[in-house]
Amino acid sequence: MNIVITDDHAVVREGMKFLLSTTEDLKVVKDVDSGAKLIQFLEDNHKMIDLVLLDLVMPEMDGMAVLEIVKRDFPKLKVVILTSYTSEEYVRPALNKKADGYLIKEMDADDLIESLRRVANGDQVIHPDVELMLSKGQLPHQKNVLSTRELEVLKEMVLGKSNKEIAETLFVSEKTVKTHVSHILNKLEVSDRTQAVVYAIRHHIINL
């Protein structure tokens, strides 16, 4: 399996290259220090790559933005997040953007190698500590899934449109929009439109 490592810390890239060099089936063919360099490399070389090992917090273009671009432009590539961040605000958006794995840098080397092999075989692999965090509870939008129409209305709300403007955009009545907005507020467990917009942006519900 051919791998590209993307991390802005040289020591992490060198450590991963050394670790994976001890295996016969996992080969690092490129390492880059930014998301922009990764995208540039993949434009010409994506057919020879199987997996991208991606840090989340990087300057200029963060890992979440990179993940979205890779999954959109190179859908056959596996992307595994390798980070020190295990809080919900990082994990859920990454999984929502279809990351194939979420691993932490502090994990055991043998476990890391085995996890990458499992991803290569088609599994989604999440570190046990992260899985435990996820199992403790679901966020409102995960318990109360928004309908397609509600997502459309929420997107227009994020764009700052009034009920009247949303009605014109979606070719429905203003009364219908008000009903959808009410359902959205209830499902997201917020009290007003502003909180709904902040919630949608924070949890990456809407892709603009």
N, C-alpha and C. Protein backbone atom coordinates (compact mmCIF):
# COMPACT_ATOMS: atom_id res chain seq x y z
N MET A 1 0.85 -1.19 0.00
CA MET A 1 0.00 0.00 0.00
C MET A 1 0.89 1.24 0.00
N ASN A 2 0.67 2.13 -0.96
CA ASN A 2 1.46 3.36 -1.07
C ASN A 2 0.81 4.48 -0.27
N ILE A 3 1.61 5.14 0.55
CA ILE A 3 1.10 6.11 1.52
C ILE A 3 1.77 7.46 1.34
N VAL A 4 0.96 8.53 1.51
CA VAL A 4 1.50 9.89 1.59
C VAL A 4 1.24 10.40 3.01
N ILE A 5 2.27 10.96 3.63
CA ILE A 5 2.14 11.53 4.97
C ILE A 5 2.05 13.05 4.86
N THR A 6 1.05 13.62 5.52
CA THR A 6 0.90 15.09 5.52
C THR A 6 0.87 15.57 6.96
N ASP A 7 1.94 16.25 7.36
CA ASP A 7 2.04 16.76 8.73
C ASP A 7 3.04 17.91 8.72
N ASP A 8 2.73 19.00 9.43
CA ASP A 8 3.63 20.14 9.40
C ASP A 8 4.83 19.99 10.33
N HIS A 9 4.88 18.89 11.10
CA HIS A 9 6.03 18.65 11.97
C HIS A 9 6.96 17.60 11.35
N ALA A 10 8.19 18.01 11.07
CA ALA A 10 9.15 17.12 10.42
C ALA A 10 9.42 15.87 11.25
N VAL A 11 9.47 16.01 12.58
CA VAL A 11 9.78 14.87 13.43
C VAL A 11 8.69 13.79 13.32
N VAL A 12 7.44 14.22 13.14
CA VAL A 12 6.36 13.25 12.97
C VAL A 12 6.50 12.53 11.64
N ARG A 13 6.79 13.27 10.59
CA ARG A 13 6.95 12.65 9.27
C ARG A 13 8.11 11.67 9.26
N GLU A 14 9.22 12.06 9.84
CA GLU A 14 10.39 11.18 9.86
C GLU A 14 10.12 9.94 10.70
N GLY A 15 9.44 10.13 11.82
CA GLY A 15 9.12 8.99 12.67
C GLY A 15 8.20 8.00 11.98
N MET A 16 7.20 8.52 11.27
CA MET A 16 6.27 7.63 10.56
C MET A 16 6.97 6.92 9.42
N LYS A 17 7.84 7.63 8.72
CA LYS A 17 8.57 6.98 7.62
C LYS A 17 9.43 5.85 8.14
N PHE A 18 10.10 6.08 9.27
CA PHE A 18 10.93 5.03 9.86
C PHE A 18 10.08 3.84 10.30
N LEU A 19 8.98 4.14 10.98
CA LEU A 19 8.11 3.07 11.47
C LEU A 19 7.58 2.21 10.32
N LEU A 20 7.07 2.85 9.29
CA LEU A 20 6.47 2.10 8.19
C LEU A 20 7.52 1.42 7.32
N SER A 21 8.76 1.88 7.40
CA SER A 21 9.83 1.22 6.63
C SER A 21 10.14 -0.17 7.18
N THR A 22 9.67 -0.45 8.39
CA THR A 22 9.90 -1.76 8.99
C THR A 22 8.89 -2.80 8.49
N THR A 23 7.92 -2.37 7.69
CA THR A 23 6.93 -3.29 7.15
C THR A 23 7.21 -3.56 5.68
N GLU A 24 6.66 -4.66 5.18
CA GLU A 24 6.85 -4.98 3.77
C GLU A 24 5.70 -4.48 2.90
N ASP A 25 4.54 -4.27 3.51
CA ASP A 25 3.35 -3.96 2.71
C ASP A 25 2.91 -2.49 2.79
N LEU A 26 3.55 -1.71 3.66
CA LEU A 26 3.20 -0.30 3.80
C LEU A 26 4.40 0.54 3.39
N LYS A 27 4.23 1.35 2.34
CA LYS A 27 5.35 2.10 1.79
C LYS A 27 5.03 3.58 1.71
N VAL A 28 5.86 4.41 2.34
CA VAL A 28 5.70 5.85 2.24
C VAL A 28 6.38 6.33 0.96
N VAL A 29 5.60 6.84 0.03
CA VAL A 29 6.17 7.29 -1.24
C VAL A 29 6.37 8.80 -1.29
N LYS A 30 5.75 9.50 -0.32
CA LYS A 30 5.88 10.96 -0.29
C LYS A 30 5.49 11.47 1.08
N ASP A 31 6.19 12.51 1.56
CA ASP A 31 5.74 13.20 2.76
C ASP A 31 5.80 14.69 2.49
N VAL A 32 4.75 15.39 2.94
CA VAL A 32 4.65 16.83 2.70
C VAL A 32 4.28 17.54 4.01
N ASP A 33 4.56 18.84 4.07
CA ASP A 33 4.34 19.57 5.32
C ASP A 33 3.12 20.49 5.28
N SER A 34 2.30 20.37 4.22
CA SER A 34 1.11 21.22 4.16
C SER A 34 0.02 20.57 3.30
N GLY A 35 -1.20 20.98 3.56
CA GLY A 35 -2.32 20.47 2.78
C GLY A 35 -2.23 20.88 1.32
N ALA A 36 -1.79 22.11 1.07
CA ALA A 36 -1.68 22.60 -0.31
C ALA A 36 -0.70 21.74 -1.11
N LYS A 37 0.42 21.37 -0.49
CA LYS A 37 1.40 20.53 -1.18
C LYS A 37 0.85 19.14 -1.45
N LEU A 38 0.03 18.64 -0.51
CA LEU A 38 -0.59 17.32 -0.72
C LEU A 38 -1.51 17.36 -1.94
N ILE A 39 -2.39 18.35 -1.99
CA ILE A 39 -3.33 18.46 -3.11
C ILE A 39 -2.58 18.58 -4.43
N GLN A 40 -1.54 19.38 -4.43
CA GLN A 40 -0.73 19.56 -5.63
C GLN A 40 -0.10 18.24 -6.07
N PHE A 41 0.42 17.49 -5.10
CA PHE A 41 1.03 16.19 -5.42
C PHE A 41 -0.01 15.21 -5.97
N LEU A 42 -1.18 15.18 -5.34
CA LEU A 42 -2.21 14.21 -5.75
C LEU A 42 -2.76 14.49 -7.14
N GLU A 43 -2.74 15.74 -7.56
CA GLU A 43 -3.28 16.07 -8.87
C GLU A 43 -2.57 15.29 -9.98
N ASP A 44 -1.29 15.05 -9.81
CA ASP A 44 -0.52 14.33 -10.83
C ASP A 44 -0.24 12.88 -10.46
N ASN A 45 -0.39 12.52 -9.18
CA ASN A 45 0.09 11.21 -8.73
C ASN A 45 -0.95 10.37 -7.99
N HIS A 46 -2.22 10.81 -7.98
CA HIS A 46 -3.20 10.13 -7.14
C HIS A 46 -3.41 8.66 -7.52
N LYS A 47 -3.16 8.31 -8.78
CA LYS A 47 -3.39 6.93 -9.21
C LYS A 47 -2.39 5.95 -8.59
N MET A 48 -1.26 6.46 -8.13
CA MET A 48 -0.25 5.58 -7.53
C MET A 48 -0.35 5.55 -6.01
N ILE A 49 -1.32 6.30 -5.45
CA ILE A 49 -1.45 6.40 -3.99
C ILE A 49 -2.68 5.62 -3.52
N ASP A 50 -2.54 4.95 -2.40
CA ASP A 50 -3.65 4.20 -1.81
C ASP A 50 -4.23 4.90 -0.58
N LEU A 51 -3.36 5.56 0.19
CA LEU A 51 -3.80 6.10 1.47
C LEU A 51 -3.06 7.39 1.81
N VAL A 52 -3.82 8.33 2.37
CA VAL A 52 -3.24 9.58 2.87
C VAL A 52 -3.32 9.58 4.39
N LEU A 53 -2.18 9.77 5.02
CA LEU A 53 -2.12 9.89 6.48
C LEU A 53 -2.07 11.39 6.78
N LEU A 54 -3.10 11.90 7.45
CA LEU A 54 -3.33 13.34 7.49
C LEU A 54 -3.43 13.89 8.90
N ASP A 55 -2.62 14.92 9.18
CA ASP A 55 -2.75 15.66 10.44
C ASP A 55 -3.93 16.62 10.32
N LEU A 56 -4.55 16.96 11.44
CA LEU A 56 -5.71 17.85 11.41
C LEU A 56 -5.34 19.32 11.54
N VAL A 57 -4.45 19.63 12.48
CA VAL A 57 -4.14 21.02 12.77
C VAL A 57 -2.83 21.42 12.09
N MET A 58 -2.99 22.18 11.01
CA MET A 58 -1.84 22.65 10.24
C MET A 58 -2.09 24.10 9.83
N PRO A 59 -1.03 24.88 9.62
CA PRO A 59 -1.22 26.27 9.20
C PRO A 59 -1.76 26.36 7.78
N GLU A 60 -2.35 27.48 7.47
CA GLU A 60 -2.88 27.80 6.14
C GLU A 60 -4.12 26.98 5.79
N MET A 61 -3.97 25.70 5.55
CA MET A 61 -5.10 24.84 5.22
C MET A 61 -5.16 23.70 6.23
N ASP A 62 -6.22 23.67 7.06
CA ASP A 62 -6.26 22.64 8.09
C ASP A 62 -6.69 21.29 7.50
N GLY A 63 -6.50 20.26 8.29
CA GLY A 63 -6.76 18.91 7.82
C GLY A 63 -8.20 18.66 7.41
N MET A 64 -9.14 19.33 8.08
CA MET A 64 -10.55 19.15 7.75
C MET A 64 -10.84 19.61 6.33
N ALA A 65 -10.27 20.75 5.95
CA ALA A 65 -10.45 21.26 4.59
C ALA A 65 -9.78 20.33 3.58
N VAL A 66 -8.61 19.83 3.93
CA VAL A 66 -7.89 18.91 3.04
C VAL A 66 -8.69 17.62 2.85
N LEU A 67 -9.21 17.09 3.95
CA LEU A 67 -10.02 15.87 3.90
C LEU A 67 -11.18 16.03 2.93
N GLU A 68 -11.86 17.15 3.03
CA GLU A 68 -13.02 17.38 2.17
C GLU A 68 -12.62 17.43 0.69
N ILE A 69 -11.52 18.09 0.40
CA ILE A 69 -11.05 18.19 -1.00
C ILE A 69 -10.63 16.83 -1.53
N VAL A 70 -9.88 16.08 -0.73
CA VAL A 70 -9.41 14.76 -1.18
C VAL A 70 -10.58 13.83 -1.45
N LYS A 71 -11.55 13.81 -0.54
CA LYS A 71 -12.71 12.92 -0.71
C LYS A 71 -13.57 13.33 -1.89
N ARG A 72 -13.57 14.62 -2.19
CA ARG A 72 -14.35 15.12 -3.34
C ARG A 72 -13.63 14.85 -4.67
N ASP A 73 -12.34 15.15 -4.72
CA ASP A 73 -11.61 15.08 -5.98
C ASP A 73 -10.95 13.73 -6.25
N PHE A 74 -10.65 12.99 -5.18
CA PHE A 74 -9.99 11.69 -5.33
C PHE A 74 -10.71 10.65 -4.46
N PRO A 75 -11.95 10.35 -4.78
CA PRO A 75 -12.80 9.53 -3.90
C PRO A 75 -12.30 8.11 -3.64
N LYS A 76 -11.42 7.62 -4.47
CA LYS A 76 -10.92 6.26 -4.26
C LYS A 76 -9.83 6.18 -3.20
N LEU A 77 -9.27 7.32 -2.83
CA LEU A 77 -8.19 7.33 -1.85
C LEU A 77 -8.73 7.14 -0.43
N LYS A 78 -8.02 6.36 0.35
CA LYS A 78 -8.32 6.24 1.78
C LYS A 78 -7.64 7.40 2.51
N VAL A 79 -8.34 7.96 3.48
CA VAL A 79 -7.75 9.04 4.28
C VAL A 79 -7.86 8.68 5.75
N VAL A 80 -6.73 8.63 6.42
CA VAL A 80 -6.70 8.34 7.85
C VAL A 80 -6.18 9.57 8.59
N ILE A 81 -6.98 10.05 9.53
CA ILE A 81 -6.56 11.16 10.37
C ILE A 81 -5.60 10.63 11.44
N LEU A 82 -4.44 11.27 11.57
CA LEU A 82 -3.48 10.93 12.62
C LEU A 82 -3.19 12.22 13.38
N THR A 83 -3.68 12.30 14.61
CA THR A 83 -3.66 13.57 15.34
C THR A 83 -3.52 13.33 16.83
N SER A 84 -3.33 14.40 17.57
CA SER A 84 -3.34 14.32 19.04
C SER A 84 -4.67 14.79 19.60
N TYR A 85 -5.54 15.26 18.73
CA TYR A 85 -6.82 15.83 19.16
C TYR A 85 -7.91 14.76 19.18
N THR A 86 -8.53 14.58 20.33
CA THR A 86 -9.55 13.54 20.45
C THR A 86 -10.90 14.08 20.92
N SER A 87 -11.07 15.40 20.92
CA SER A 87 -12.35 15.97 21.36
C SER A 87 -13.38 15.86 20.26
N GLU A 88 -14.64 15.93 20.67
CA GLU A 88 -15.77 15.73 19.77
C GLU A 88 -15.78 16.73 18.62
N GLU A 89 -15.34 17.95 18.89
CA GLU A 89 -15.39 18.98 17.85
C GLU A 89 -14.46 18.67 16.68
N TYR A 90 -13.48 17.79 16.88
CA TYR A 90 -12.60 17.36 15.80
C TYR A 90 -13.06 16.03 15.21
N VAL A 91 -13.42 15.11 16.08
CA VAL A 91 -13.71 13.75 15.64
C VAL A 91 -14.95 13.66 14.75
N ARG A 92 -16.06 14.18 15.23
CA ARG A 92 -17.31 14.02 14.48
C ARG A 92 -17.25 14.67 13.10
N PRO A 93 -16.76 15.91 12.98
CA PRO A 93 -16.66 16.48 11.63
C PRO A 93 -15.80 15.64 10.69
N ALA A 94 -14.70 15.09 11.20
CA ALA A 94 -13.83 14.26 10.36
C ALA A 94 -14.55 13.02 9.88
N LEU A 95 -15.29 12.37 10.77
CA LEU A 95 -16.03 11.17 10.39
C LEU A 95 -17.20 11.53 9.47
N ASN A 96 -17.82 12.68 9.71
CA ASN A 96 -18.90 13.13 8.82
C ASN A 96 -18.39 13.41 7.41
N LYS A 97 -17.13 13.80 7.32
CA LYS A 97 -16.53 14.06 6.01
C LYS A 97 -15.91 12.79 5.42
N LYS A 98 -16.26 11.65 6.01
CA LYS A 98 -15.94 10.32 5.47
C LYS A 98 -14.47 9.93 5.60
N ALA A 99 -13.83 10.34 6.69
CA ALA A 99 -12.49 9.83 6.97
C ALA A 99 -12.56 8.32 7.16
N ASP A 100 -11.57 7.62 6.65
CA ASP A 100 -11.55 6.15 6.75
C ASP A 100 -10.96 5.66 8.06
N GLY A 101 -10.35 6.58 8.79
CA GLY A 101 -9.80 6.22 10.09
C GLY A 101 -9.52 7.46 10.91
N TYR A 102 -9.55 7.29 12.24
CA TYR A 102 -9.20 8.39 13.14
C TYR A 102 -8.30 7.79 14.22
N LEU A 103 -7.01 8.06 14.10
CA LEU A 103 -6.02 7.48 15.00
C LEU A 103 -5.27 8.59 15.73
N ILE A 104 -4.65 8.24 16.85
CA ILE A 104 -3.93 9.25 17.62
C ILE A 104 -2.43 8.95 17.62
N LYS A 105 -1.64 10.01 17.63
CA LYS A 105 -0.19 9.90 17.47
C LYS A 105 0.46 9.15 18.63
N GLU A 106 -0.21 9.14 19.78
CA GLU A 106 0.38 8.51 20.95
C GLU A 106 0.15 7.00 21.01
N MET A 107 -0.54 6.44 20.02
CA MET A 107 -0.90 5.02 20.09
C MET A 107 0.31 4.12 19.85
N ASP A 108 0.18 2.87 20.26
CA ASP A 108 1.24 1.88 20.10
C ASP A 108 1.56 1.68 18.62
N ALA A 109 2.85 1.54 18.32
CA ALA A 109 3.29 1.43 16.92
C ALA A 109 2.67 0.23 16.21
N ASP A 110 2.65 -0.91 16.88
CA ASP A 110 2.08 -2.11 16.25
C ASP A 110 0.58 -1.94 15.99
N ASP A 111 -0.10 -1.29 16.92
CA ASP A 111 -1.54 -1.04 16.73
C ASP A 111 -1.78 -0.10 15.55
N LEU A 112 -0.90 0.88 15.41
CA LEU A 112 -1.02 1.83 14.30
C LEU A 112 -0.86 1.11 12.96
N ILE A 113 0.15 0.28 12.88
CA ILE A 113 0.39 -0.46 11.64
C ILE A 113 -0.79 -1.37 11.31
N GLU A 114 -1.29 -2.07 12.31
CA GLU A 114 -2.43 -2.97 12.09
C GLU A 114 -3.67 -2.17 11.69
N SER A 115 -3.84 -0.99 12.25
CA SER A 115 -4.99 -0.15 11.91
C SER A 115 -4.94 0.28 10.45
N LEU A 116 -3.76 0.65 9.97
CA LEU A 116 -3.60 1.04 8.57
C LEU A 116 -3.90 -0.13 7.64
N ARG A 117 -3.49 -1.32 8.04
CA ARG A 117 -3.79 -2.51 7.24
C ARG A 117 -5.29 -2.77 7.18
N ARG A 118 -5.97 -2.56 8.28
CA ARG A 118 -7.43 -2.75 8.31
C ARG A 118 -8.12 -1.75 7.40
N VAL A 119 -7.64 -0.50 7.40
CA VAL A 119 -8.21 0.50 6.50
C VAL A 119 -7.99 0.08 5.04
N ALA A 120 -6.81 -0.43 4.75
CA ALA A 120 -6.52 -0.89 3.40
C ALA A 120 -7.48 -1.99 2.96
N ASN A 121 -7.95 -2.77 3.93
CA ASN A 121 -8.89 -3.86 3.64
C ASN A 121 -10.35 -3.42 3.62
N GLY A 122 -10.56 -2.11 3.79
CA GLY A 122 -11.91 -1.59 3.67
C GLY A 122 -12.63 -1.25 4.95
N ASP A 123 -11.96 -1.42 6.10
CA ASP A 123 -12.59 -1.08 7.38
C ASP A 123 -12.44 0.41 7.70
N GLN A 124 -13.37 0.94 8.45
CA GLN A 124 -13.18 2.25 9.06
C GLN A 124 -12.65 1.99 10.47
N VAL A 125 -11.49 2.55 10.78
CA VAL A 125 -10.83 2.25 12.04
C VAL A 125 -10.76 3.50 12.91
N ILE A 126 -11.30 3.40 14.11
CA ILE A 126 -11.31 4.51 15.05
C ILE A 126 -10.60 4.05 16.33
N HIS A 127 -9.68 4.87 16.81
CA HIS A 127 -8.93 4.52 18.02
C HIS A 127 -9.89 4.26 19.18
N PRO A 128 -9.61 3.26 20.02
CA PRO A 128 -10.51 2.91 21.13
C PRO A 128 -10.87 4.08 22.04
N ASP A 129 -9.90 4.96 22.33
CA ASP A 129 -10.19 6.11 23.19
C ASP A 129 -11.21 7.04 22.53
N VAL A 130 -11.12 7.17 21.22
CA VAL A 130 -12.05 8.02 20.48
C VAL A 130 -13.43 7.36 20.43
N GLU A 131 -13.46 6.06 20.21
CA GLU A 131 -14.73 5.33 20.20
C GLU A 131 -15.45 5.47 21.53
N LEU A 132 -14.69 5.41 22.62
CA LEU A 132 -15.27 5.54 23.96
C LEU A 132 -15.91 6.92 24.12
N MET A 133 -15.21 7.94 23.66
CA MET A 133 -15.75 9.29 23.73
C MET A 133 -17.04 9.41 22.93
N LEU A 134 -17.06 8.81 21.75
CA LEU A 134 -18.24 8.89 20.89
C LEU A 134 -19.43 8.15 21.49
N SER A 135 -19.15 7.07 22.20
CA SER A 135 -20.22 6.24 22.75
C SER A 135 -20.93 6.88 23.94
N LYS A 136 -20.32 7.91 24.52
CA LYS A 136 -20.89 8.51 25.73
C LYS A 136 -22.14 9.34 25.45
N GLY A 137 -22.35 9.68 24.22
CA GLY A 137 -23.56 10.44 23.92
C GLY A 137 -23.55 11.01 22.54
N GLN A 138 -24.73 11.20 22.00
CA GLN A 138 -24.86 11.77 20.68
C GLN A 138 -25.26 13.23 20.76
N LEU A 139 -24.85 13.98 19.76
CA LEU A 139 -25.24 15.38 19.66
C LEU A 139 -26.68 15.47 19.13
N PRO A 140 -27.34 16.60 19.36
CA PRO A 140 -28.74 16.73 18.94
C PRO A 140 -29.00 16.39 17.47
N HIS A 141 -28.14 16.85 16.57
CA HIS A 141 -28.40 16.60 15.14
C HIS A 141 -28.15 15.14 14.76
N GLN A 142 -27.50 14.39 15.64
CA GLN A 142 -27.32 12.96 15.38
C GLN A 142 -28.48 12.15 15.96
N LYS A 143 -29.05 12.64 17.04
CA LYS A 143 -30.24 11.99 17.60
C LYS A 143 -31.47 12.34 16.79
N ASN A 144 -31.54 13.57 16.32
CA ASN A 144 -32.71 14.07 15.60
C ASN A 144 -32.29 14.47 14.19
N VAL A 145 -32.26 13.52 13.30
CA VAL A 145 -31.72 13.76 11.95
C VAL A 145 -32.61 14.72 11.17
N LEU A 146 -31.98 15.73 10.58
CA LEU A 146 -32.72 16.70 9.78
C LEU A 146 -33.08 16.10 8.42
N SER A 147 -34.28 16.42 7.94
CA SER A 147 -34.70 15.96 6.62
C SER A 147 -33.95 16.74 5.54
N THR A 148 -34.04 16.27 4.30
CA THR A 148 -33.38 16.95 3.19
C THR A 148 -33.87 18.38 3.07
N ARG A 149 -35.18 18.58 3.18
CA ARG A 149 -35.74 19.93 3.07
C ARG A 149 -35.29 20.81 4.24
N GLU A 150 -35.23 20.24 5.44
CA GLU A 150 -34.77 21.00 6.59
C GLU A 150 -33.31 21.42 6.42
N LEU A 151 -32.50 20.55 5.84
CA LEU A 151 -31.11 20.90 5.57
C LEU A 151 -31.02 22.02 4.55
N GLU A 152 -31.90 22.00 3.56
CA GLU A 152 -31.93 23.08 2.56
C GLU A 152 -32.29 24.41 3.21
N VAL A 153 -33.28 24.38 4.10
CA VAL A 153 -33.69 25.60 4.80
C VAL A 153 -32.56 26.08 5.71
N LEU A 154 -31.93 25.16 6.41
CA LEU A 154 -30.84 25.53 7.32
C LEU A 154 -29.69 26.16 6.55
N LYS A 155 -29.40 25.64 5.37
CA LYS A 155 -28.33 26.21 4.54
C LYS A 155 -28.64 27.67 4.20
N GLU A 156 -29.89 27.93 3.85
CA GLU A 156 -30.29 29.31 3.53
C GLU A 156 -30.22 30.19 4.78
N MET A 157 -30.54 29.63 5.93
CA MET A 157 -30.42 30.37 7.19
C MET A 157 -28.96 30.75 7.44
N VAL A 158 -28.06 29.81 7.20
CA VAL A 158 -26.63 30.08 7.38
C VAL A 158 -26.17 31.20 6.45
N LEU A 159 -26.78 31.26 5.27
CA LEU A 159 -26.45 32.31 4.31
C LEU A 159 -27.05 33.66 4.69
N GLY A 160 -27.83 33.67 5.78
CA GLY A 160 -28.37 34.93 6.29
C GLY A 160 -29.69 35.37 5.68
N LYS A 161 -30.40 34.45 5.04
CA LYS A 161 -31.65 34.82 4.38
C LYS A 161 -32.82 34.81 5.37
N SER A 162 -33.77 35.69 5.11
CA SER A 162 -34.99 35.75 5.89
C SER A 162 -35.94 34.64 5.45
N ASN A 163 -37.00 34.43 6.22
CA ASN A 163 -37.99 33.42 5.84
C ASN A 163 -38.58 33.70 4.46
N LYS A 164 -38.84 34.98 4.19
CA LYS A 164 -39.40 35.36 2.89
C LYS A 164 -38.43 35.03 1.76
N GLU A 165 -37.15 35.33 1.97
CA GLU A 165 -36.13 35.04 0.95
C GLU A 165 -35.94 33.54 0.76
N ILE A 166 -36.00 32.80 1.85
CA ILE A 166 -35.88 31.34 1.76
C ILE A 166 -37.05 30.77 0.98
N ALA A 167 -38.24 31.28 1.25
CA ALA A 167 -39.44 30.82 0.54
C ALA A 167 -39.30 31.04 -0.96
N GLU A 168 -38.78 32.20 -1.34
CA GLU A 168 -38.59 32.51 -2.76
C GLU A 168 -37.53 31.61 -3.39
N THR A 169 -36.48 31.33 -2.65
CA THR A 169 -35.39 30.48 -3.16
C THR A 169 -35.85 29.04 -3.37
N LEU A 170 -36.63 28.52 -2.41
CA LEU A 170 -37.03 27.12 -2.44
C LEU A 170 -38.41 26.90 -3.07
N PHE A 171 -39.04 28.00 -3.52
CA PHE A 171 -40.35 27.92 -4.18
C PHE A 171 -41.41 27.28 -3.29
N VAL A 172 -41.44 27.71 -2.04
CA VAL A 172 -42.48 27.26 -1.10
C VAL A 172 -43.05 28.51 -0.42
N SER A 173 -44.10 28.29 0.35
CA SER A 173 -44.71 29.43 1.04
C SER A 173 -43.89 29.82 2.27
N GLU A 174 -44.07 31.08 2.68
CA GLU A 174 -43.36 31.56 3.87
C GLU A 174 -43.82 30.79 5.11
N LYS A 175 -45.09 30.41 5.12
CA LYS A 175 -45.62 29.64 6.24
C LYS A 175 -44.92 28.28 6.34
N THR A 176 -44.67 27.66 5.19
CA THR A 176 -43.96 26.37 5.17
C THR A 176 -42.55 26.53 5.71
N VAL A 177 -41.89 27.61 5.33
CA VAL A 177 -40.54 27.87 5.82
C VAL A 177 -40.54 28.03 7.34
N LYS A 178 -41.51 28.77 7.86
CA LYS A 178 -41.60 28.96 9.31
C LYS A 178 -41.75 27.63 10.04
N THR A 179 -42.53 26.74 9.44
CA THR A 179 -42.71 25.40 10.03
C THR A 179 -41.38 24.64 10.05
N HIS A 180 -40.65 24.70 8.93
CA HIS A 180 -39.35 24.02 8.85
C HIS A 180 -38.38 24.60 9.87
N VAL A 181 -38.36 25.93 10.00
CA VAL A 181 -37.46 26.58 10.94
C VAL A 181 -37.76 26.13 12.37
N SER A 182 -39.04 26.04 12.68
CA SER A 182 -39.45 25.59 14.01
C SER A 182 -38.96 24.17 14.28
N HIS A 183 -39.11 23.29 13.27
CA HIS A 183 -38.65 21.90 13.42
C HIS A 183 -37.13 21.85 13.59
N ILE A 184 -36.42 22.69 12.84
CA ILE A 184 -34.96 22.73 12.92
C ILE A 184 -34.51 23.14 14.32
N LEU A 185 -35.13 24.17 14.87
CA LEU A 185 -34.77 24.63 16.21
C LEU A 185 -35.02 23.54 17.24
N ASN A 186 -36.14 22.83 17.11
CA ASN A 186 -36.45 21.75 18.04
C ASN A 186 -35.45 20.61 17.93
N LYS A 187 -35.11 20.24 16.70
CA LYS A 187 -34.19 19.11 16.50
C LYS A 187 -32.78 19.44 16.97
N LEU A 188 -32.35 20.66 16.77
CA LEU A 188 -31.01 21.05 17.18
C LEU A 188 -30.95 21.47 18.65
N GLU A 189 -32.12 21.51 19.27
CA GLU A 189 -32.23 21.87 20.68
C GLU A 189 -31.65 23.25 20.97
N VAL A 190 -32.02 24.21 20.11
CA VAL A 190 -31.61 25.60 20.28
C VAL A 190 -32.87 26.47 20.33
N SER A 191 -32.70 27.71 20.78
CA SER A 191 -33.88 28.55 21.02
C SER A 191 -34.14 29.59 19.94
N ASP A 192 -33.15 29.86 19.09
CA ASP A 192 -33.40 30.86 18.04
C ASP A 192 -32.56 30.58 16.80
N ARG A 193 -32.79 31.36 15.77
CA ARG A 193 -32.11 31.17 14.47
C ARG A 193 -30.60 31.34 14.58
N THR A 194 -30.18 32.33 15.34
CA THR A 194 -28.75 32.59 15.48
C THR A 194 -28.03 31.38 16.07
N GLN A 195 -28.61 30.81 17.11
CA GLN A 195 -28.01 29.62 17.72
C GLN A 195 -27.99 28.45 16.74
N ALA A 196 -29.04 28.33 15.92
CA ALA A 196 -29.09 27.25 14.93
C ALA A 196 -27.97 27.41 13.90
N VAL A 197 -27.74 28.65 13.46
CA VAL A 197 -26.69 28.92 12.49
C VAL A 197 -25.32 28.61 13.09
N VAL A 198 -25.09 29.07 14.32
CA VAL A 198 -23.81 28.81 15.00
C VAL A 198 -23.59 27.30 15.15
N TYR A 199 -24.64 26.60 15.54
CA TYR A 199 -24.57 25.14 15.72
C TYR A 199 -24.22 24.47 14.39
N ALA A 200 -24.89 24.87 13.32
CA ALA A 200 -24.66 24.26 12.01
C ALA A 200 -23.23 24.44 11.54
N ILE A 201 -22.69 25.64 11.78
CA ILE A 201 -21.31 25.92 11.36
C ILE A 201 -20.32 25.15 12.23
N ARG A 202 -20.54 25.16 13.52
CA ARG A 202 -19.61 24.52 14.47
C ARG A 202 -19.50 23.02 14.22
N HIS A 203 -20.64 22.41 13.87
CA HIS A 203 -20.63 20.95 13.69
C HIS A 203 -20.61 20.52 12.22
N HIS A 204 -20.31 21.47 11.35
CA HIS A 204 -20.11 21.17 9.92
C HIS A 204 -21.32 20.45 9.31
N ILE A 205 -22.51 20.86 9.71
CA ILE A 205 -23.72 20.24 9.16
C ILE A 205 -23.94 20.70 7.72
N ILE A 206 -23.59 21.95 7.47
CA ILE A 206 -23.82 22.55 6.16
C ILE A 206 -22.49 22.78 5.45
N ASN A 207 -22.40 22.34 4.19
CA ASN A 207 -21.24 22.62 3.38
C ASN A 207 -21.60 23.72 2.38
N LEU A 208 -21.00 24.87 2.55
CA LEU A 208 -21.31 26.00 1.67
C LEU A 208 -20.37 26.01 0.46
